[in-house]
């Protein structure tokens, strides 16, 4: 679950270490992960090392807002264009607010706490105080607390 938090250059090596330590009953999972996520979708695509934004929640939120603004499944072109004009106006206001120093959105306290822990873990890993396996174990524990 936390391999994406490692530098791309050591994802495969760390995966092999985990696979070597795993119970034989987990081999189908490792085979699937190799096929789907190491060979099928290159790690550079799903890697979030040094990234603060790790989800597509902003896109999902925009999609929900757009659907709420349109208020119907099949709007006509004029209704859709009006929603797009309003979205453009809102985006321009938000751009101006960001230019004046406002953050683009506020995160819940629980998210900020987890983010702070993850940054602390990464600093310890980058400093050499944690092995890659210990680092991703800590990341996994922090992420599992949220779910």
N, C-alpha and C. Protein backbone atom coordinates (compact mmCIF):
# COMPACT_ATOMS: atom_id res chain seq x y z
N UNK A 1 0.82 -1.19 0.00
CA UNK A 1 0.00 0.00 0.00
C UNK A 1 0.86 1.26 0.00
N UNK A 2 2.04 1.20 0.59
CA UNK A 2 2.84 2.40 0.73
C UNK A 2 4.04 2.46 -0.20
N UNK A 3 4.17 1.51 -1.10
CA UNK A 3 5.30 1.55 -2.04
C UNK A 3 5.34 2.85 -2.84
N UNK A 4 4.19 3.43 -3.08
CA UNK A 4 4.13 4.67 -3.86
C UNK A 4 4.82 5.83 -3.16
N UNK A 5 5.11 5.70 -1.87
CA UNK A 5 5.74 6.78 -1.11
C UNK A 5 7.27 6.72 -1.17
N UNK A 6 7.80 5.67 -1.78
CA UNK A 6 9.25 5.53 -1.92
C UNK A 6 9.73 6.22 -3.19
N UNK A 7 11.02 6.58 -3.24
CA UNK A 7 11.56 7.07 -4.51
C UNK A 7 11.39 5.99 -5.58
N UNK A 8 11.07 6.40 -6.79
CA UNK A 8 10.82 5.45 -7.88
C UNK A 8 11.99 4.48 -8.05
N UNK A 9 13.19 4.98 -7.84
CA UNK A 9 14.38 4.16 -8.09
C UNK A 9 14.49 2.94 -7.19
N UNK A 10 13.80 2.91 -6.06
CA UNK A 10 13.92 1.74 -5.17
C UNK A 10 12.59 1.02 -4.95
N UNK A 11 11.56 1.37 -5.70
CA UNK A 11 10.27 0.70 -5.54
C UNK A 11 10.40 -0.79 -5.82
N UNK A 12 10.99 -1.17 -6.94
CA UNK A 12 11.09 -2.59 -7.31
C UNK A 12 11.95 -3.37 -6.30
N UNK A 13 13.07 -2.79 -5.91
CA UNK A 13 13.95 -3.47 -4.95
C UNK A 13 13.22 -3.70 -3.63
N UNK A 14 12.54 -2.69 -3.14
CA UNK A 14 11.81 -2.83 -1.87
C UNK A 14 10.67 -3.84 -2.02
N UNK A 15 10.01 -3.82 -3.16
CA UNK A 15 8.96 -4.80 -3.42
C UNK A 15 9.53 -6.22 -3.35
N UNK A 16 10.70 -6.43 -3.94
CA UNK A 16 11.33 -7.76 -3.92
C UNK A 16 11.69 -8.17 -2.49
N UNK A 17 12.12 -7.21 -1.67
CA UNK A 17 12.42 -7.51 -0.27
C UNK A 17 11.14 -7.95 0.45
N UNK A 18 10.07 -7.20 0.25
CA UNK A 18 8.79 -7.55 0.88
C UNK A 18 8.31 -8.93 0.41
N UNK A 19 8.45 -9.17 -0.89
CA UNK A 19 8.02 -10.46 -1.45
C UNK A 19 8.82 -11.61 -0.83
N UNK A 20 10.11 -11.40 -0.63
CA UNK A 20 10.96 -12.43 -0.02
C UNK A 20 10.62 -12.71 1.43
N UNK A 21 10.07 -11.71 2.13
CA UNK A 21 9.71 -11.87 3.54
C UNK A 21 8.29 -12.38 3.73
N UNK A 22 7.51 -12.39 2.67
CA UNK A 22 6.08 -12.70 2.78
C UNK A 22 5.83 -14.20 2.84
N UNK A 23 4.71 -14.54 3.45
CA UNK A 23 4.23 -15.91 3.50
C UNK A 23 3.90 -16.39 2.08
N UNK A 24 4.10 -17.67 1.82
CA UNK A 24 3.86 -18.23 0.49
C UNK A 24 2.42 -18.03 0.03
N UNK A 25 1.49 -17.95 0.95
CA UNK A 25 0.09 -17.78 0.58
C UNK A 25 -0.18 -16.43 -0.08
N UNK A 26 0.75 -15.48 0.07
CA UNK A 26 0.59 -14.16 -0.53
C UNK A 26 1.19 -14.05 -1.93
N UNK A 27 1.78 -15.12 -2.43
CA UNK A 27 2.41 -15.06 -3.75
C UNK A 27 1.46 -14.66 -4.88
N UNK A 28 0.19 -15.11 -4.87
CA UNK A 28 -0.72 -14.62 -5.92
C UNK A 28 -0.90 -13.10 -5.88
N UNK A 29 -0.92 -12.52 -4.69
CA UNK A 29 -1.03 -11.07 -4.57
C UNK A 29 0.21 -10.39 -5.14
N UNK A 30 1.37 -10.92 -4.83
CA UNK A 30 2.61 -10.34 -5.36
C UNK A 30 2.67 -10.48 -6.88
N UNK A 31 2.21 -11.62 -7.40
CA UNK A 31 2.20 -11.82 -8.85
C UNK A 31 1.25 -10.82 -9.51
N UNK A 32 0.08 -10.63 -8.92
CA UNK A 32 -0.87 -9.64 -9.46
C UNK A 32 -0.25 -8.25 -9.44
N UNK A 33 0.34 -7.87 -8.30
CA UNK A 33 0.91 -6.53 -8.18
C UNK A 33 2.01 -6.31 -9.21
N UNK A 34 2.84 -7.31 -9.39
CA UNK A 34 3.92 -7.20 -10.38
C UNK A 34 3.34 -6.98 -11.77
N UNK A 35 2.38 -7.81 -12.13
CA UNK A 35 1.79 -7.71 -13.47
C UNK A 35 1.06 -6.39 -13.68
N UNK A 36 0.26 -6.00 -12.71
CA UNK A 36 -0.59 -4.82 -12.87
C UNK A 36 0.14 -3.50 -12.62
N UNK A 37 0.91 -3.44 -11.52
CA UNK A 37 1.43 -2.16 -11.06
C UNK A 37 2.92 -1.94 -11.26
N UNK A 38 3.68 -2.98 -11.48
CA UNK A 38 5.10 -2.77 -11.76
C UNK A 38 5.40 -2.89 -13.25
N UNK A 39 4.73 -3.84 -13.91
CA UNK A 39 4.95 -4.01 -15.35
C UNK A 39 3.87 -3.32 -16.18
N UNK A 40 2.62 -3.36 -15.73
CA UNK A 40 1.51 -2.79 -16.50
C UNK A 40 1.46 -1.27 -16.46
N UNK A 41 1.49 -0.72 -15.28
CA UNK A 41 1.48 0.74 -15.10
C UNK A 41 2.80 1.08 -14.41
N UNK A 42 3.66 1.76 -15.09
CA UNK A 42 4.99 2.05 -14.55
C UNK A 42 4.89 2.82 -13.23
N UNK A 43 5.73 2.50 -12.26
CA UNK A 43 5.70 3.18 -10.96
C UNK A 43 5.79 4.71 -11.04
N UNK A 44 6.45 5.23 -12.06
CA UNK A 44 6.56 6.69 -12.17
C UNK A 44 5.17 7.33 -12.30
N UNK A 45 4.20 6.59 -12.80
CA UNK A 45 2.84 7.12 -12.97
C UNK A 45 2.12 7.22 -11.63
N UNK A 46 2.29 6.23 -10.75
CA UNK A 46 1.54 6.22 -9.49
C UNK A 46 2.38 6.61 -8.28
N UNK A 47 3.61 6.99 -8.48
CA UNK A 47 4.48 7.36 -7.37
C UNK A 47 4.13 8.73 -6.81
N UNK A 48 4.13 8.86 -5.49
CA UNK A 48 3.80 10.13 -4.85
C UNK A 48 4.92 10.61 -3.90
N UNK A 49 6.12 10.07 -4.08
CA UNK A 49 7.24 10.50 -3.25
C UNK A 49 7.46 12.00 -3.45
N UNK A 50 7.56 12.73 -2.35
CA UNK A 50 7.74 14.19 -2.34
C UNK A 50 6.53 14.95 -2.87
N UNK A 51 5.37 14.34 -2.90
CA UNK A 51 4.16 15.00 -3.36
C UNK A 51 3.23 15.25 -2.18
N UNK A 52 2.67 16.45 -2.10
CA UNK A 52 1.70 16.74 -1.05
C UNK A 52 0.29 16.32 -1.47
N UNK A 53 -0.02 16.43 -2.74
CA UNK A 53 -1.34 16.03 -3.23
C UNK A 53 -1.21 14.63 -3.81
N UNK A 54 -1.87 13.67 -3.16
CA UNK A 54 -1.71 12.28 -3.55
C UNK A 54 -3.00 11.66 -4.06
N UNK A 55 -4.05 12.43 -4.18
CA UNK A 55 -5.33 11.87 -4.60
C UNK A 55 -5.91 12.71 -5.73
N UNK A 56 -7.01 12.24 -6.26
CA UNK A 56 -7.73 13.01 -7.26
C UNK A 56 -9.00 13.60 -6.65
N UNK A 57 -9.01 13.79 -5.33
CA UNK A 57 -10.19 14.31 -4.64
C UNK A 57 -10.63 15.67 -5.17
N UNK A 58 -9.67 16.51 -5.56
CA UNK A 58 -10.04 17.82 -6.10
C UNK A 58 -10.84 17.67 -7.39
N UNK A 59 -10.42 16.74 -8.24
CA UNK A 59 -11.15 16.48 -9.49
C UNK A 59 -12.54 15.92 -9.19
N UNK A 60 -12.59 14.99 -8.24
CA UNK A 60 -13.88 14.40 -7.86
C UNK A 60 -14.82 15.49 -7.32
N UNK A 61 -14.27 16.37 -6.49
CA UNK A 61 -15.08 17.46 -5.94
C UNK A 61 -15.60 18.39 -7.01
N UNK A 62 -14.76 18.70 -7.98
CA UNK A 62 -15.20 19.55 -9.09
C UNK A 62 -16.33 18.87 -9.86
N UNK A 63 -16.20 17.60 -10.09
CA UNK A 63 -17.22 16.86 -10.83
C UNK A 63 -18.56 16.89 -10.07
N UNK A 64 -18.52 16.71 -8.77
CA UNK A 64 -19.75 16.77 -7.96
C UNK A 64 -20.37 18.17 -8.05
N UNK A 65 -19.51 19.20 -7.93
CA UNK A 65 -20.02 20.58 -8.02
C UNK A 65 -20.63 20.87 -9.39
N UNK A 66 -19.99 20.38 -10.45
CA UNK A 66 -20.52 20.60 -11.80
C UNK A 66 -21.87 19.91 -11.95
N UNK A 67 -21.97 18.68 -11.49
CA UNK A 67 -23.25 17.97 -11.57
C UNK A 67 -24.34 18.70 -10.80
N UNK A 68 -23.99 19.23 -9.64
CA UNK A 68 -24.98 19.97 -8.85
C UNK A 68 -25.39 21.26 -9.56
N UNK A 69 -24.45 21.90 -10.24
CA UNK A 69 -24.77 23.14 -10.96
C UNK A 69 -25.66 22.88 -12.16
N UNK A 70 -25.40 21.80 -12.87
CA UNK A 70 -26.19 21.47 -14.06
C UNK A 70 -27.59 21.01 -13.66
N UNK A 71 -27.69 20.24 -12.60
CA UNK A 71 -28.96 19.78 -12.02
C UNK A 71 -29.79 18.88 -12.92
N UNK A 72 -29.22 18.31 -13.92
CA UNK A 72 -29.95 17.34 -14.75
C UNK A 72 -28.94 16.47 -15.49
N UNK A 73 -29.40 15.30 -15.93
CA UNK A 73 -28.51 14.35 -16.59
C UNK A 73 -28.17 14.75 -18.02
N UNK A 74 -29.11 15.35 -18.71
CA UNK A 74 -28.89 15.70 -20.12
C UNK A 74 -29.26 17.16 -20.35
N UNK A 75 -28.39 18.09 -19.94
CA UNK A 75 -28.72 19.50 -20.15
C UNK A 75 -28.62 19.86 -21.63
N UNK A 76 -29.37 20.88 -22.01
CA UNK A 76 -29.20 21.34 -23.39
C UNK A 76 -27.93 22.20 -23.44
N UNK A 77 -27.52 22.56 -24.61
CA UNK A 77 -26.25 23.27 -24.78
C UNK A 77 -26.24 24.62 -24.06
N UNK A 78 -27.39 25.29 -24.01
CA UNK A 78 -27.45 26.61 -23.39
C UNK A 78 -27.31 26.50 -21.87
N UNK A 79 -27.92 25.50 -21.29
CA UNK A 79 -27.78 25.29 -19.84
C UNK A 79 -26.33 24.94 -19.50
N UNK A 80 -25.77 24.08 -20.32
CA UNK A 80 -24.39 23.67 -20.08
C UNK A 80 -23.43 24.85 -20.22
N UNK A 81 -23.63 25.67 -21.24
CA UNK A 81 -22.77 26.83 -21.46
C UNK A 81 -22.88 27.82 -20.30
N UNK A 82 -24.06 28.00 -19.77
CA UNK A 82 -24.23 28.90 -18.63
C UNK A 82 -23.47 28.37 -17.40
N UNK A 83 -23.52 27.08 -17.20
CA UNK A 83 -22.76 26.48 -16.09
C UNK A 83 -21.26 26.68 -16.31
N UNK A 84 -20.80 26.54 -17.53
CA UNK A 84 -19.38 26.73 -17.84
C UNK A 84 -18.96 28.18 -17.63
N UNK A 85 -19.83 29.13 -18.02
CA UNK A 85 -19.53 30.56 -17.77
C UNK A 85 -19.41 30.83 -16.28
N UNK A 86 -20.32 30.27 -15.50
CA UNK A 86 -20.28 30.47 -14.05
C UNK A 86 -19.03 29.82 -13.45
N UNK A 87 -18.67 28.66 -13.93
CA UNK A 87 -17.46 27.97 -13.45
C UNK A 87 -16.23 28.81 -13.78
N UNK A 88 -16.17 29.38 -14.97
CA UNK A 88 -15.05 30.23 -15.35
C UNK A 88 -14.96 31.45 -14.43
N UNK A 89 -16.10 32.07 -14.15
CA UNK A 89 -16.11 33.23 -13.24
C UNK A 89 -15.62 32.83 -11.85
N UNK A 90 -16.08 31.71 -11.35
CA UNK A 90 -15.64 31.23 -10.03
C UNK A 90 -14.15 30.93 -10.02
N UNK A 91 -13.65 30.37 -11.10
CA UNK A 91 -12.22 30.05 -11.20
C UNK A 91 -11.39 31.33 -11.21
N UNK A 92 -11.84 32.35 -11.91
CA UNK A 92 -11.10 33.61 -11.93
C UNK A 92 -11.07 34.26 -10.55
N UNK A 93 -12.17 34.19 -9.82
CA UNK A 93 -12.20 34.73 -8.45
C UNK A 93 -11.22 33.94 -7.58
N UNK A 94 -11.24 32.63 -7.70
CA UNK A 94 -10.34 31.79 -6.90
C UNK A 94 -8.88 32.09 -7.24
N UNK A 95 -8.57 32.30 -8.52
CA UNK A 95 -7.20 32.65 -8.90
C UNK A 95 -6.76 33.94 -8.22
N UNK A 96 -7.63 34.92 -8.21
CA UNK A 96 -7.29 36.19 -7.55
C UNK A 96 -7.10 35.99 -6.05
N UNK A 97 -7.93 35.17 -5.44
CA UNK A 97 -7.78 34.92 -4.01
C UNK A 97 -6.46 34.21 -3.71
N UNK A 98 -6.07 33.28 -4.56
CA UNK A 98 -4.80 32.57 -4.37
C UNK A 98 -3.64 33.54 -4.54
N UNK A 99 -3.73 34.45 -5.52
CA UNK A 99 -2.67 35.45 -5.72
C UNK A 99 -2.51 36.36 -4.51
N UNK A 100 -3.57 36.55 -3.75
CA UNK A 100 -3.48 37.40 -2.56
C UNK A 100 -3.06 36.63 -1.32
N UNK A 101 -2.78 35.32 -1.47
CA UNK A 101 -2.26 34.55 -0.35
C UNK A 101 -3.21 33.55 0.25
N UNK A 102 -4.42 33.50 -0.20
CA UNK A 102 -5.38 32.53 0.33
C UNK A 102 -4.99 31.14 -0.15
N UNK A 103 -5.10 30.15 0.74
CA UNK A 103 -4.86 28.78 0.29
C UNK A 103 -6.06 28.34 -0.54
N UNK A 104 -5.79 27.44 -1.48
CA UNK A 104 -6.85 27.05 -2.40
C UNK A 104 -7.97 26.28 -1.71
N UNK A 105 -7.66 25.53 -0.66
CA UNK A 105 -8.72 24.88 0.10
C UNK A 105 -8.17 24.45 1.45
N UNK A 106 -9.06 24.31 2.38
CA UNK A 106 -8.67 23.91 3.73
C UNK A 106 -8.86 22.41 3.88
N UNK A 107 -7.94 21.81 4.59
CA UNK A 107 -8.03 20.38 4.84
C UNK A 107 -8.50 20.16 6.28
N UNK A 108 -9.17 19.06 6.48
CA UNK A 108 -9.63 18.70 7.81
C UNK A 108 -8.44 18.47 8.72
N UNK A 109 -8.65 18.68 10.01
CA UNK A 109 -7.58 18.56 10.99
C UNK A 109 -6.96 17.16 10.95
N UNK A 110 -7.77 16.12 10.84
CA UNK A 110 -7.25 14.75 10.82
C UNK A 110 -6.31 14.56 9.63
N UNK A 111 -6.66 15.12 8.48
CA UNK A 111 -5.80 15.01 7.30
C UNK A 111 -4.48 15.74 7.55
N UNK A 112 -4.55 16.92 8.13
CA UNK A 112 -3.33 17.70 8.39
C UNK A 112 -2.41 16.97 9.36
N UNK A 113 -2.97 16.29 10.34
CA UNK A 113 -2.17 15.53 11.31
C UNK A 113 -1.45 14.38 10.60
N UNK A 114 -2.19 13.64 9.78
CA UNK A 114 -1.57 12.52 9.06
C UNK A 114 -0.50 13.05 8.10
N UNK A 115 -0.79 14.14 7.42
CA UNK A 115 0.18 14.73 6.49
C UNK A 115 1.47 15.11 7.23
N UNK A 116 1.33 15.68 8.42
CA UNK A 116 2.49 16.08 9.21
C UNK A 116 3.31 14.85 9.61
N UNK A 117 2.63 13.77 9.99
CA UNK A 117 3.33 12.52 10.35
C UNK A 117 4.06 11.96 9.14
N UNK A 118 3.41 11.97 7.98
CA UNK A 118 4.04 11.44 6.78
C UNK A 118 5.28 12.25 6.41
N UNK A 119 5.20 13.56 6.54
CA UNK A 119 6.38 14.40 6.25
C UNK A 119 7.51 14.08 7.21
N UNK A 120 7.16 13.89 8.51
CA UNK A 120 8.17 13.56 9.52
C UNK A 120 8.82 12.22 9.20
N UNK A 121 8.02 11.24 8.83
CA UNK A 121 8.57 9.94 8.44
C UNK A 121 9.50 10.07 7.24
N UNK A 122 9.09 10.85 6.24
CA UNK A 122 9.93 11.00 5.06
C UNK A 122 11.24 11.69 5.40
N UNK A 123 11.20 12.69 6.26
CA UNK A 123 12.45 13.35 6.67
C UNK A 123 13.39 12.35 7.34
N UNK A 124 12.84 11.49 8.20
CA UNK A 124 13.65 10.47 8.88
C UNK A 124 14.22 9.48 7.87
N UNK A 125 13.39 9.11 6.89
CA UNK A 125 13.86 8.18 5.85
C UNK A 125 14.96 8.85 5.02
N UNK A 126 14.72 10.08 4.58
CA UNK A 126 15.71 10.80 3.76
C UNK A 126 17.03 11.00 4.51
N UNK A 127 16.95 11.15 5.84
CA UNK A 127 18.16 11.34 6.65
C UNK A 127 18.89 10.03 6.90
N UNK A 128 18.28 8.90 6.51
CA UNK A 128 18.92 7.61 6.71
C UNK A 128 18.60 6.97 8.05
N UNK A 129 17.67 7.55 8.80
CA UNK A 129 17.31 7.00 10.10
C UNK A 129 16.35 5.82 10.00
N UNK A 130 15.69 5.65 8.86
CA UNK A 130 14.75 4.55 8.64
C UNK A 130 15.12 3.81 7.37
N UNK A 131 14.97 2.50 7.40
CA UNK A 131 15.12 1.72 6.17
C UNK A 131 13.87 1.93 5.32
N UNK A 132 13.95 1.53 4.07
CA UNK A 132 12.79 1.67 3.18
C UNK A 132 11.60 0.88 3.72
N UNK A 133 11.84 -0.33 4.22
CA UNK A 133 10.75 -1.15 4.74
C UNK A 133 10.15 -0.53 6.00
N UNK A 134 11.00 -0.02 6.88
CA UNK A 134 10.48 0.65 8.09
C UNK A 134 9.68 1.89 7.72
N UNK A 135 10.17 2.63 6.74
CA UNK A 135 9.48 3.85 6.29
C UNK A 135 8.09 3.52 5.76
N UNK A 136 7.98 2.57 4.85
CA UNK A 136 6.66 2.28 4.29
C UNK A 136 5.76 1.58 5.30
N UNK A 137 6.35 0.90 6.28
CA UNK A 137 5.52 0.34 7.36
C UNK A 137 4.89 1.48 8.16
N UNK A 138 5.67 2.50 8.46
CA UNK A 138 5.13 3.66 9.17
C UNK A 138 4.08 4.38 8.35
N UNK A 139 4.32 4.52 7.05
CA UNK A 139 3.34 5.15 6.17
C UNK A 139 2.04 4.35 6.18
N UNK A 140 2.16 3.03 6.07
CA UNK A 140 0.97 2.17 6.06
C UNK A 140 0.16 2.32 7.33
N UNK A 141 0.83 2.36 8.47
CA UNK A 141 0.11 2.52 9.73
C UNK A 141 -0.65 3.85 9.77
N UNK A 142 -0.01 4.89 9.28
CA UNK A 142 -0.68 6.20 9.28
C UNK A 142 -1.86 6.25 8.32
N UNK A 143 -1.73 5.62 7.18
CA UNK A 143 -2.82 5.63 6.22
C UNK A 143 -3.96 4.74 6.68
N UNK A 144 -3.65 3.63 7.34
CA UNK A 144 -4.72 2.73 7.79
C UNK A 144 -5.54 3.34 8.91
N UNK A 145 -4.97 4.30 9.65
CA UNK A 145 -5.73 4.98 10.71
C UNK A 145 -6.89 5.77 10.13
N UNK A 146 -6.76 6.22 8.90
CA UNK A 146 -7.79 7.06 8.28
C UNK A 146 -8.93 6.23 7.70
N UNK A 147 -8.75 4.93 7.55
CA UNK A 147 -9.76 4.13 6.85
C UNK A 147 -10.39 3.10 7.76
